[in-house]
Amino acid sequence: MSDVHMLTGAYALDALRGRERAAVEAHCAGCPACLRECEEFRATAARLGMASTATPPAALKGRVLDIVRATPRQPPWRRRTSDLARRLRHHVAVRLPRRTLR
């Protein structure tokens, strides 16, 4: 069985079953620090869940889309070619004597 201290996060999210769950419960019954940690994990998970259900301001979508539209993009084939060309230039520069590059 894993170290009980490493299981408090999974326990707080109700992700443990059987022996592991029982071990964490038994440990937390006698360990106030681990009990507090489990409670804090549960509270954090609840806050994160609420944050994901919040509706963003209507203007936010428009601002994000404006930024996306204004961001210059290259087609994927061009990016791959650019990366390949950059690697080839580096490879050639490393392999060739300095006087050949001038």
N, C-alpha and C. Protein backbone atom coordinates (compact mmCIF):
# COMPACT_ATOMS: atom_id res chain seq x y z
N MET A 1 0.84 -1.18 0.00
CA MET A 1 0.00 0.00 0.00
C MET A 1 0.89 1.25 0.00
N SER A 2 0.43 2.29 -0.65
CA SER A 2 1.18 3.54 -0.74
C SER A 2 1.23 4.23 0.62
N ASP A 3 2.15 5.18 0.74
CA ASP A 3 2.22 5.99 1.94
C ASP A 3 0.92 6.78 2.07
N VAL A 4 0.31 6.71 3.22
CA VAL A 4 -0.99 7.35 3.44
C VAL A 4 -0.92 8.85 3.18
N HIS A 5 0.21 9.46 3.49
CA HIS A 5 0.34 10.90 3.29
C HIS A 5 0.24 11.27 1.81
N MET A 6 0.61 10.38 0.94
CA MET A 6 0.55 10.64 -0.49
C MET A 6 -0.85 10.45 -1.06
N LEU A 7 -1.76 9.94 -0.27
CA LEU A 7 -3.11 9.62 -0.75
C LEU A 7 -4.17 10.64 -0.33
N THR A 8 -3.78 11.66 0.42
CA THR A 8 -4.80 12.58 0.94
C THR A 8 -5.52 13.34 -0.16
N GLY A 9 -4.81 13.71 -1.22
CA GLY A 9 -5.47 14.41 -2.32
C GLY A 9 -6.48 13.52 -3.03
N ALA A 10 -6.10 12.28 -3.30
CA ALA A 10 -7.02 11.34 -3.94
C ALA A 10 -8.21 11.05 -3.02
N TYR A 11 -7.97 10.95 -1.73
CA TYR A 11 -9.05 10.72 -0.78
C TYR A 11 -10.03 11.89 -0.79
N ALA A 12 -9.50 13.10 -0.80
CA ALA A 12 -10.36 14.29 -0.78
C ALA A 12 -11.23 14.38 -2.02
N LEU A 13 -10.79 13.79 -3.12
CA LEU A 13 -11.56 13.80 -4.36
C LEU A 13 -12.42 12.55 -4.52
N ASP A 14 -12.50 11.74 -3.46
CA ASP A 14 -13.25 10.48 -3.48
C ASP A 14 -12.77 9.54 -4.56
N ALA A 15 -11.46 9.48 -4.74
CA ALA A 15 -10.88 8.63 -5.78
C ALA A 15 -10.29 7.34 -5.22
N LEU A 16 -10.46 7.10 -3.93
CA LEU A 16 -9.91 5.88 -3.32
C LEU A 16 -11.03 4.92 -2.98
N ARG A 17 -10.69 3.65 -3.03
CA ARG A 17 -11.63 2.59 -2.66
C ARG A 17 -10.93 1.60 -1.74
N GLY A 18 -11.70 0.79 -1.09
CA GLY A 18 -11.17 -0.34 -0.34
C GLY A 18 -10.16 0.00 0.74
N ARG A 19 -9.08 -0.76 0.71
CA ARG A 19 -8.06 -0.66 1.76
C ARG A 19 -7.41 0.73 1.83
N GLU A 20 -7.16 1.34 0.66
CA GLU A 20 -6.50 2.65 0.67
C GLU A 20 -7.40 3.69 1.34
N ARG A 21 -8.67 3.66 0.99
CA ARG A 21 -9.62 4.61 1.60
C ARG A 21 -9.69 4.39 3.11
N ALA A 22 -9.79 3.14 3.54
CA ALA A 22 -9.86 2.83 4.97
C ALA A 22 -8.59 3.26 5.68
N ALA A 23 -7.45 3.07 5.03
CA ALA A 23 -6.17 3.46 5.65
C ALA A 23 -6.10 4.97 5.86
N VAL A 24 -6.54 5.74 4.88
CA VAL A 24 -6.51 7.20 5.01
C VAL A 24 -7.47 7.63 6.11
N GLU A 25 -8.67 7.05 6.14
CA GLU A 25 -9.64 7.42 7.18
C GLU A 25 -9.12 7.10 8.57
N ALA A 26 -8.50 5.92 8.72
CA ALA A 26 -7.95 5.54 10.02
C ALA A 26 -6.82 6.48 10.42
N HIS A 27 -5.98 6.83 9.47
CA HIS A 27 -4.85 7.73 9.77
C HIS A 27 -5.37 9.12 10.15
N CYS A 28 -6.32 9.64 9.37
CA CYS A 28 -6.83 10.99 9.64
C CYS A 28 -7.57 11.07 10.98
N ALA A 29 -8.10 9.95 11.45
CA ALA A 29 -8.78 9.95 12.75
C ALA A 29 -7.80 10.29 13.88
N GLY A 30 -6.53 9.99 13.68
CA GLY A 30 -5.55 10.28 14.72
C GLY A 30 -4.52 11.32 14.34
N CYS A 31 -4.68 11.93 13.17
CA CYS A 31 -3.69 12.91 12.70
C CYS A 31 -4.40 14.20 12.26
N PRO A 32 -4.46 15.19 13.12
CA PRO A 32 -5.16 16.43 12.79
C PRO A 32 -4.57 17.14 11.56
N ALA A 33 -3.26 17.02 11.36
CA ALA A 33 -2.64 17.69 10.20
C ALA A 33 -3.15 17.09 8.89
N CYS A 34 -3.22 15.77 8.82
CA CYS A 34 -3.70 15.14 7.59
C CYS A 34 -5.20 15.36 7.40
N LEU A 35 -5.95 15.37 8.47
CA LEU A 35 -7.38 15.66 8.39
C LEU A 35 -7.60 17.06 7.84
N ARG A 36 -6.82 18.02 8.34
CA ARG A 36 -6.91 19.40 7.86
C ARG A 36 -6.52 19.47 6.38
N GLU A 37 -5.48 18.72 6.00
CA GLU A 37 -5.06 18.70 4.59
C GLU A 37 -6.17 18.17 3.69
N CYS A 38 -6.84 17.11 4.11
CA CYS A 38 -7.96 16.57 3.32
C CYS A 38 -9.08 17.60 3.18
N GLU A 39 -9.38 18.28 4.28
CA GLU A 39 -10.43 19.32 4.24
C GLU A 39 -10.04 20.45 3.31
N GLU A 40 -8.77 20.85 3.33
CA GLU A 40 -8.30 21.91 2.44
C GLU A 40 -8.35 21.47 0.98
N PHE A 41 -7.98 20.22 0.71
CA PHE A 41 -8.07 19.70 -0.66
C PHE A 41 -9.53 19.73 -1.14
N ARG A 42 -10.45 19.30 -0.29
CA ARG A 42 -11.87 19.30 -0.67
C ARG A 42 -12.36 20.72 -0.95
N ALA A 43 -11.98 21.66 -0.10
CA ALA A 43 -12.40 23.05 -0.29
C ALA A 43 -11.83 23.62 -1.59
N THR A 44 -10.57 23.30 -1.87
CA THR A 44 -9.95 23.78 -3.11
C THR A 44 -10.63 23.18 -4.33
N ALA A 45 -10.92 21.89 -4.28
CA ALA A 45 -11.61 21.24 -5.40
C ALA A 45 -12.98 21.86 -5.62
N ALA A 46 -13.68 22.20 -4.54
CA ALA A 46 -14.99 22.83 -4.67
C ALA A 46 -14.87 24.21 -5.31
N ARG A 47 -13.86 24.99 -4.88
CA ARG A 47 -13.66 26.33 -5.47
C ARG A 47 -13.32 26.22 -6.95
N LEU A 48 -12.48 25.25 -7.31
CA LEU A 48 -12.13 25.07 -8.72
C LEU A 48 -13.36 24.68 -9.54
N GLY A 49 -14.20 23.85 -8.96
CA GLY A 49 -15.43 23.47 -9.65
C GLY A 49 -16.34 24.66 -9.88
N MET A 50 -16.42 25.54 -8.93
CA MET A 50 -17.25 26.74 -9.08
C MET A 50 -16.65 27.69 -10.10
N ALA A 51 -15.36 27.77 -10.15
CA ALA A 51 -14.71 28.67 -11.11
C ALA A 51 -14.99 28.24 -12.54
N SER A 52 -15.08 26.95 -12.78
CA SER A 52 -15.31 26.48 -14.14
C SER A 52 -16.75 26.69 -14.58
N THR A 53 -17.65 26.95 -13.64
CA THR A 53 -19.04 27.17 -14.01
C THR A 53 -19.37 28.65 -14.15
N ALA A 54 -18.44 29.52 -13.82
CA ALA A 54 -18.68 30.96 -13.93
C ALA A 54 -18.73 31.37 -15.40
N THR A 55 -19.64 32.23 -15.73
CA THR A 55 -19.76 32.73 -17.09
C THR A 55 -18.88 33.97 -17.24
N PRO A 56 -17.97 33.96 -18.22
CA PRO A 56 -17.11 35.13 -18.41
C PRO A 56 -17.92 36.30 -18.96
N PRO A 57 -17.41 37.51 -18.79
CA PRO A 57 -18.10 38.68 -19.32
C PRO A 57 -18.26 38.56 -20.84
N ALA A 58 -19.37 39.06 -21.37
CA ALA A 58 -19.65 38.95 -22.80
C ALA A 58 -18.56 39.60 -23.65
N ALA A 59 -18.00 40.70 -23.18
CA ALA A 59 -16.98 41.41 -23.95
C ALA A 59 -15.67 40.62 -24.05
N LEU A 60 -15.45 39.69 -23.14
CA LEU A 60 -14.21 38.94 -23.14
C LEU A 60 -14.05 38.13 -24.42
N LYS A 61 -15.11 37.47 -24.86
CA LYS A 61 -15.02 36.66 -26.07
C LYS A 61 -14.62 37.53 -27.26
N GLY A 62 -15.22 38.69 -27.38
CA GLY A 62 -14.87 39.59 -28.48
C GLY A 62 -13.42 40.03 -28.43
N ARG A 63 -12.92 40.35 -27.24
CA ARG A 63 -11.52 40.77 -27.11
C ARG A 63 -10.57 39.64 -27.48
N VAL A 64 -10.88 38.43 -27.03
CA VAL A 64 -10.02 37.29 -27.34
C VAL A 64 -10.02 37.03 -28.84
N LEU A 65 -11.19 37.06 -29.47
CA LEU A 65 -11.26 36.83 -30.92
C LEU A 65 -10.54 37.92 -31.70
N ASP A 66 -10.61 39.17 -31.23
CA ASP A 66 -9.87 40.25 -31.89
C ASP A 66 -8.36 40.00 -31.83
N ILE A 67 -7.88 39.54 -30.69
CA ILE A 67 -6.45 39.24 -30.55
C ILE A 67 -6.06 38.09 -31.47
N VAL A 68 -6.90 37.07 -31.54
CA VAL A 68 -6.61 35.93 -32.41
C VAL A 68 -6.56 36.37 -33.86
N ARG A 69 -7.52 37.18 -34.27
CA ARG A 69 -7.54 37.66 -35.66
C ARG A 69 -6.32 38.52 -35.99
N ALA A 70 -5.84 39.28 -35.02
CA ALA A 70 -4.71 40.18 -35.26
C ALA A 70 -3.36 39.47 -35.19
N THR A 71 -3.34 38.24 -34.71
CA THR A 71 -2.09 37.50 -34.58
C THR A 71 -1.70 36.92 -35.94
N PRO A 72 -0.53 37.28 -36.48
CA PRO A 72 -0.12 36.74 -37.77
C PRO A 72 0.09 35.22 -37.67
N ARG A 73 -0.39 34.54 -38.68
CA ARG A 73 -0.24 33.08 -38.70
C ARG A 73 0.35 32.65 -40.03
N GLN A 74 1.06 31.55 -39.97
CA GLN A 74 1.58 30.92 -41.18
C GLN A 74 0.89 29.58 -41.34
N PRO A 75 0.73 29.13 -42.56
CA PRO A 75 0.16 27.80 -42.73
C PRO A 75 1.07 26.76 -42.08
N PRO A 76 0.50 25.63 -41.62
CA PRO A 76 1.31 24.62 -40.93
C PRO A 76 2.49 24.13 -41.76
N TRP A 77 2.31 23.96 -43.08
CA TRP A 77 3.43 23.48 -43.90
C TRP A 77 4.57 24.47 -43.88
N ARG A 78 4.27 25.74 -43.80
CA ARG A 78 5.32 26.77 -43.79
C ARG A 78 6.10 26.73 -42.48
N ARG A 79 5.39 26.52 -41.37
CA ARG A 79 6.08 26.44 -40.08
C ARG A 79 7.03 25.25 -40.06
N ARG A 80 6.56 24.10 -40.56
CA ARG A 80 7.42 22.92 -40.57
C ARG A 80 8.64 23.16 -41.44
N THR A 81 8.43 23.81 -42.60
CA THR A 81 9.54 24.09 -43.49
C THR A 81 10.52 25.04 -42.81
N SER A 82 10.01 26.03 -42.14
CA SER A 82 10.89 26.98 -41.45
C SER A 82 11.70 26.28 -40.37
N ASP A 83 11.06 25.42 -39.60
CA ASP A 83 11.79 24.69 -38.56
C ASP A 83 12.84 23.78 -39.18
N LEU A 84 12.48 23.11 -40.25
CA LEU A 84 13.42 22.23 -40.93
C LEU A 84 14.59 23.03 -41.49
N ALA A 85 14.30 24.16 -42.13
CA ALA A 85 15.36 24.99 -42.70
C ALA A 85 16.30 25.49 -41.60
N ARG A 86 15.73 25.89 -40.47
CA ARG A 86 16.56 26.38 -39.36
C ARG A 86 17.48 25.27 -38.84
N ARG A 87 16.96 24.07 -38.70
CA ARG A 87 17.78 22.95 -38.24
C ARG A 87 18.85 22.60 -39.26
N LEU A 88 18.50 22.63 -40.55
CA LEU A 88 19.48 22.31 -41.59
C LEU A 88 20.60 23.35 -41.62
N ARG A 89 20.24 24.62 -41.50
CA ARG A 89 21.26 25.67 -41.48
C ARG A 89 22.21 25.47 -40.31
N HIS A 90 21.67 25.14 -39.16
CA HIS A 90 22.51 24.91 -37.99
C HIS A 90 23.40 23.69 -38.23
N HIS A 91 22.84 22.64 -38.76
CA HIS A 91 23.60 21.42 -39.01
C HIS A 91 24.74 21.67 -39.99
N VAL A 92 24.44 22.40 -41.06
CA VAL A 92 25.46 22.70 -42.07
C VAL A 92 26.53 23.61 -41.47
N ALA A 93 26.12 24.59 -40.69
CA ALA A 93 27.09 25.52 -40.09
C ALA A 93 28.01 24.79 -39.13
N VAL A 94 27.51 23.80 -38.44
CA VAL A 94 28.33 23.05 -37.51
C VAL A 94 29.31 22.15 -38.24
N ARG A 95 28.90 21.59 -39.38
CA ARG A 95 29.70 20.61 -40.09
C ARG A 95 30.75 21.22 -41.02
N LEU A 96 30.44 22.36 -41.61
CA LEU A 96 31.35 22.93 -42.60
C LEU A 96 32.43 23.78 -41.93
N PRO A 97 33.61 23.81 -42.53
CA PRO A 97 34.66 24.72 -42.01
C PRO A 97 34.19 26.17 -42.15
N ARG A 98 34.67 27.02 -41.32
CA ARG A 98 34.23 28.42 -41.28
C ARG A 98 34.44 29.13 -42.63
N ARG A 99 35.53 28.89 -43.30
CA ARG A 99 35.81 29.61 -44.55
C ARG A 99 34.80 29.25 -45.65
N THR A 100 34.18 28.11 -45.58
CA THR A 100 33.21 27.70 -46.59
C THR A 100 31.92 28.51 -46.50
N LEU A 101 31.62 29.00 -45.34
CA LEU A 101 30.35 29.71 -45.13
C LEU A 101 30.39 31.14 -45.64
N ARG A 102 31.55 31.68 -45.94
CA ARG A 102 31.64 33.09 -46.38
C ARG A 102 31.48 33.25 -47.85
